[in-house]
Amino acid sequence: MLSNTLNTNEIKNAAGTGLSFTRKNEFEFQLTDEVPALKHRLLIGHQESGSGIFLRRRSRFRFNKTVVASVDNVTPVIISFVGMLEVPIGALLANTEVKNVIAEGTSFLASLGASTTILYDCTGNGARVLLNGES
């Protein structure tokens, strides 16, 4: 289980500045200095289905950030980023390949080619594709 406070070393924005989130309940964190009308949340959830060798777990995280629309400076809108992992936990004895898939997704979003540096500014290959609606 995550700690009740996720601090500046655990979540950073595009500028690489650390953000602090505080646990609101078992599956939800809120930005520590969140403005009530502009919610900034991290949600985490898990769901299992099947049984035996066919037991699967779907785990997801979601960041929701409410911002004021820049076209009218009035309307609140929500930006969401969702990460999901589906694992056939009933058929695996170790997490080795699961870790490989997580690492592949992370490196795709936050790096360029052979880079080993995390690009918080969203210039990584995968982040660029998401930002620009490319494939």
C-alpha atoms as a PDB file:
ATOM      1  CA  MET A   1       0.000   0.000   0.000  1.00  0.00           C
ATOM      2  CA  LEU A   2       1.192   3.509  -0.783  1.00  0.00           C
ATOM      3  CA  SER A   3       1.951   5.904   2.045  1.00  0.00           C
ATOM      4  CA  ASN A   4      -0.687   8.463   2.971  1.00  0.00           C
ATOM      5  CA  THR A   5       1.392  11.273   1.457  1.00  0.00           C
ATOM      6  CA  LEU A   6       3.016  11.048  -1.962  1.00  0.00           C
ATOM      7  CA  ASN A   7       5.702  13.701  -1.904  1.00  0.00           C
ATOM      8  CA  THR A   8       7.896  15.615  -4.314  1.00  0.00           C
ATOM      9  CA  ASN A   9      10.069  12.610  -5.167  1.00  0.00           C
ATOM     10  CA  GLU A  10       7.122  10.455  -6.249  1.00  0.00           C
ATOM     11  CA  ILE A  11       5.014  12.670  -8.540  1.00  0.00           C
ATOM     12  CA  LYS A  12       6.363  15.467 -10.740  1.00  0.00           C
ATOM     13  CA  ASN A  13       4.802  17.772 -13.319  1.00  0.00           C
ATOM     14  CA  ALA A  14       6.061  18.580 -16.836  1.00  0.00           C
ATOM     15  CA  ALA A  15       8.602  21.045 -15.437  1.00  0.00           C
ATOM     16  CA  GLY A  16      10.018  18.321 -13.165  1.00  0.00           C
ATOM     17  CA  THR A  17       8.637  20.093 -10.094  1.00  0.00           C
ATOM     18  CA  GLY A  18       7.511  17.743  -7.366  1.00  0.00           C
ATOM     19  CA  LEU A  19       3.867  17.690  -6.318  1.00  0.00           C
ATOM     20  CA  SER A  20       2.476  16.445  -3.026  1.00  0.00           C
ATOM     21  CA  PHE A  21      -0.680  14.326  -2.902  1.00  0.00           C
ATOM     22  CA  THR A  22      -2.497  13.288   0.278  1.00  0.00           C
ATOM     23  CA  ARG A  23      -4.638  10.195   0.687  1.00  0.00           C
ATOM     24  CA  LYS A  24      -8.342  11.072   0.696  1.00  0.00           C
ATOM     25  CA  ASN A  25      -9.557   7.455   1.018  1.00  0.00           C
ATOM     26  CA  GLU A  26      -8.338   3.952   0.182  1.00  0.00           C
ATOM     27  CA  PHE A  27      -8.246   4.544  -3.596  1.00  0.00           C
ATOM     28  CA  GLU A  28      -8.037   8.334  -3.988  1.00  0.00           C
ATOM     29  CA  PHE A  29      -5.391  10.996  -3.399  1.00  0.00           C
ATOM     30  CA  GLN A  30      -5.815  14.753  -3.756  1.00  0.00           C
ATOM     31  CA  LEU A  31      -3.222  17.431  -4.443  1.00  0.00           C
ATOM     32  CA  THR A  32      -2.249  18.665  -0.990  1.00  0.00           C
ATOM     33  CA  ASP A  33      -2.854  22.348  -1.793  1.00  0.00           C
ATOM     34  CA  GLU A  34      -5.730  21.730  -4.200  1.00  0.00           C
ATOM     35  CA  VAL A  35      -8.224  24.528  -4.852  1.00  0.00           C
ATOM     36  CA  PRO A  36     -11.680  23.065  -4.042  1.00  0.00           C
ATOM     37  CA  ALA A  37     -13.203  24.185  -7.367  1.00  0.00           C
ATOM     38  CA  LEU A  38     -10.228  22.818  -9.338  1.00  0.00           C
ATOM     39  CA  LYS A  39      -9.801  19.237  -8.166  1.00  0.00           C
ATOM     40  CA  HIS A  40      -6.521  17.464  -8.932  1.00  0.00           C
ATOM     41  CA  ARG A  41      -6.803  13.767  -8.086  1.00  0.00           C
ATOM     42  CA  LEU A  42      -4.994  10.452  -8.388  1.00  0.00           C
ATOM     43  CA  LEU A  43      -7.299   7.429  -8.390  1.00  0.00           C
ATOM     44  CA  ILE A  44      -6.087   3.833  -8.093  1.00  0.00           C
ATOM     45  CA  GLY A  45      -8.207   0.712  -8.561  1.00  0.00           C
ATOM     46  CA  HIS A  46      -7.958  -3.051  -9.038  1.00  0.00           C
ATOM     47  CA  GLN A  47     -10.395  -5.670 -10.277  1.00  0.00           C
ATOM     48  CA  GLU A  48      -9.959  -9.439 -10.444  1.00  0.00           C
ATOM     49  CA  SER A  49     -11.911 -11.803 -12.666  1.00  0.00           C
ATOM     50  CA  GLY A  50     -11.805 -15.500 -13.500  1.00  0.00           C
ATOM     51  CA  SER A  51     -10.265 -18.227 -11.366  1.00  0.00           C
ATOM     52  CA  GLY A  52      -7.410 -20.692 -11.273  1.00  0.00           C
ATOM     53  CA  ILE A  53      -5.057 -20.395 -14.215  1.00  0.00           C
ATOM     54  CA  PHE A  54      -7.508 -17.930 -15.793  1.00  0.00           C
ATOM     55  CA  LEU A  55      -7.440 -15.496 -12.840  1.00  0.00           C
ATOM     56  CA  ARG A  56      -6.721 -11.982 -14.134  1.00  0.00           C
ATOM     57  CA  ARG A  57      -6.180  -8.678 -12.381  1.00  0.00           C
ATOM     58  CA  ARG A  58      -6.792  -5.328 -14.033  1.00  0.00           C
ATOM     59  CA  SER A  59      -5.097  -2.479 -12.222  1.00  0.00           C
ATOM     60  CA  ARG A  60      -5.399   1.138 -13.197  1.00  0.00           C
ATOM     61  CA  PHE A  61      -4.394   4.595 -12.122  1.00  0.00           C
ATOM     62  CA  ARG A  62      -5.956   7.821 -13.278  1.00  0.00           C
ATOM     63  CA  PHE A  63      -4.932  11.430 -12.856  1.00  0.00           C
ATOM     64  CA  ASN A  64      -7.831  13.880 -13.171  1.00  0.00           C
ATOM     65  CA  LYS A  65      -7.060  17.596 -13.200  1.00  0.00           C
ATOM     66  CA  THR A  66      -9.792  20.224 -13.385  1.00  0.00           C
ATOM     67  CA  VAL A  67      -8.630  23.411 -15.114  1.00  0.00           C
ATOM     68  CA  VAL A  68     -10.343  26.525 -16.406  1.00  0.00           C
ATOM     69  CA  ALA A  69     -10.858  26.411 -20.196  1.00  0.00           C
ATOM     70  CA  SER A  70      -8.420  28.755 -21.903  1.00  0.00           C
ATOM     71  CA  VAL A  71     -10.933  29.650 -24.653  1.00  0.00           C
ATOM     72  CA  ASP A  72     -13.365  31.423 -22.299  1.00  0.00           C
ATOM     73  CA  ASN A  73     -11.499  31.614 -18.956  1.00  0.00           C
ATOM     74  CA  VAL A  74     -14.681  30.461 -17.182  1.00  0.00           C
ATOM     75  CA  THR A  75     -15.660  26.880 -17.950  1.00  0.00           C
ATOM     76  CA  PRO A  76     -14.100  24.154 -15.768  1.00  0.00           C
ATOM     77  CA  VAL A  77     -12.906  21.154 -17.818  1.00  0.00           C
ATOM     78  CA  ILE A  78     -11.214  17.901 -16.773  1.00  0.00           C
ATOM     79  CA  ILE A  79      -8.016  16.489 -18.270  1.00  0.00           C
ATOM     80  CA  SER A  80      -7.460  12.773 -17.527  1.00  0.00           C
ATOM     81  CA  PHE A  81      -4.532  10.410 -17.948  1.00  0.00           C
ATOM     82  CA  VAL A  82      -5.212   6.707 -17.419  1.00  0.00           C
ATOM     83  CA  GLY A  83      -2.706   3.896 -17.071  1.00  0.00           C
ATOM     84  CA  MET A  84      -3.909   0.306 -17.051  1.00  0.00           C
ATOM     85  CA  LEU A  85      -2.186  -3.028 -16.542  1.00  0.00           C
ATOM     86  CA  GLU A  86      -3.889  -6.367 -17.112  1.00  0.00           C
ATOM     87  CA  VAL A  87      -2.080  -9.432 -15.783  1.00  0.00           C
ATOM     88  CA  PRO A  88      -2.978 -13.144 -15.971  1.00  0.00           C
ATOM     89  CA  ILE A  89      -1.969 -13.610 -12.321  1.00  0.00           C
ATOM     90  CA  GLY A  90      -3.307 -17.168 -12.200  1.00  0.00           C
ATOM     91  CA  ALA A  91      -0.896 -18.235 -14.943  1.00  0.00           C
ATOM     92  CA  LEU A  92       2.340 -16.584 -13.719  1.00  0.00           C
ATOM     93  CA  LEU A  93       4.759 -17.649 -11.004  1.00  0.00           C
ATOM     94  CA  ALA A  94       6.797 -14.410 -11.031  1.00  0.00           C
ATOM     95  CA  ASN A  95       6.423 -10.755 -11.974  1.00  0.00           C
ATOM     96  CA  THR A  96       9.438 -10.675 -14.317  1.00  0.00           C
ATOM     97  CA  GLU A  97       7.480 -10.268 -17.561  1.00  0.00           C
ATOM     98  CA  VAL A  98       4.966  -7.952 -15.904  1.00  0.00           C
ATOM     99  CA  LYS A  99       7.855  -5.669 -14.882  1.00  0.00           C
ATOM    100  CA  ASN A 100       9.135  -5.775 -18.462  1.00  0.00           C
ATOM    101  CA  VAL A 101       5.767  -4.596 -19.813  1.00  0.00           C
ATOM    102  CA  ILE A 102       5.566  -1.766 -17.242  1.00  0.00           C
ATOM    103  CA  ALA A 103       9.131  -0.705 -18.086  1.00  0.00           C
ATOM    104  CA  GLU A 104       8.338  -0.749 -21.810  1.00  0.00           C
ATOM    105  CA  GLY A 105       5.289   1.472 -21.323  1.00  0.00           C
ATOM    106  CA  THR A 106       7.161   3.847 -19.043  1.00  0.00           C
ATOM    107  CA  SER A 107      10.138   4.171 -21.388  1.00  0.00           C
ATOM    108  CA  PHE A 108       7.825   4.651 -24.385  1.00  0.00           C
ATOM    109  CA  LEU A 109       6.095   7.585 -22.673  1.00  0.00           C
ATOM    110  CA  ALA A 110       9.081   9.219 -21.017  1.00  0.00           C
ATOM    111  CA  SER A 111      12.212   8.635 -23.123  1.00  0.00           C
ATOM    112  CA  LEU A 112      13.709   8.932 -26.576  1.00  0.00           C
ATOM    113  CA  GLY A 113      15.347   5.896 -28.159  1.00  0.00           C
ATOM    114  CA  ALA A 114      18.366   4.774 -26.153  1.00  0.00           C
ATOM    115  CA  SER A 115      17.850   7.506 -23.549  1.00  0.00           C
ATOM    116  CA  THR A 116      17.887   6.460 -19.909  1.00  0.00           C
ATOM    117  CA  THR A 117      16.682   9.875 -18.723  1.00  0.00           C
ATOM    118  CA  ILE A 118      13.041  10.410 -17.779  1.00  0.00           C
ATOM    119  CA  LEU A 119      11.660  13.319 -19.801  1.00  0.00           C
ATOM    120  CA  TYR A 120       9.127  15.022 -17.541  1.00  0.00           C
ATOM    121  CA  ASP A 121       8.558  17.708 -20.194  1.00  0.00           C
ATOM    122  CA  CYS A 122       6.514  15.208 -22.268  1.00  0.00           C
ATOM    123  CA  THR A 123       8.962  15.118 -25.184  1.00  0.00           C
ATOM    124  CA  GLY A 124       9.312  11.314 -24.950  1.00  0.00           C
ATOM    125  CA  ASN A 125       8.138   9.348 -27.974  1.00  0.00           C
ATOM    126  CA  GLY A 126       4.908   8.092 -26.412  1.00  0.00           C
ATOM    127  CA  ALA A 127       4.009  11.383 -24.721  1.00  0.00           C
ATOM    128  CA  ARG A 128       4.499  13.227 -28.012  1.00  0.00           C
ATOM    129  CA  VAL A 129       2.199  10.763 -29.784  1.00  0.00           C
ATOM    130  CA  LEU A 130      -0.513  11.257 -27.132  1.00  0.00           C
ATOM    131  CA  LEU A 131      -0.178  15.060 -27.143  1.00  0.00           C
ATOM    132  CA  ASN A 132      -0.367  15.363 -30.912  1.00  0.00           C
ATOM    133  CA  GLY A 133      -2.877  12.604 -31.661  1.00  0.00           C
ATOM    134  CA  GLU A 134      -0.309  10.684 -33.725  1.00  0.00           C
ATOM    135  CA  SER A 135       0.353   6.984 -34.205  1.00  0.00           C
END
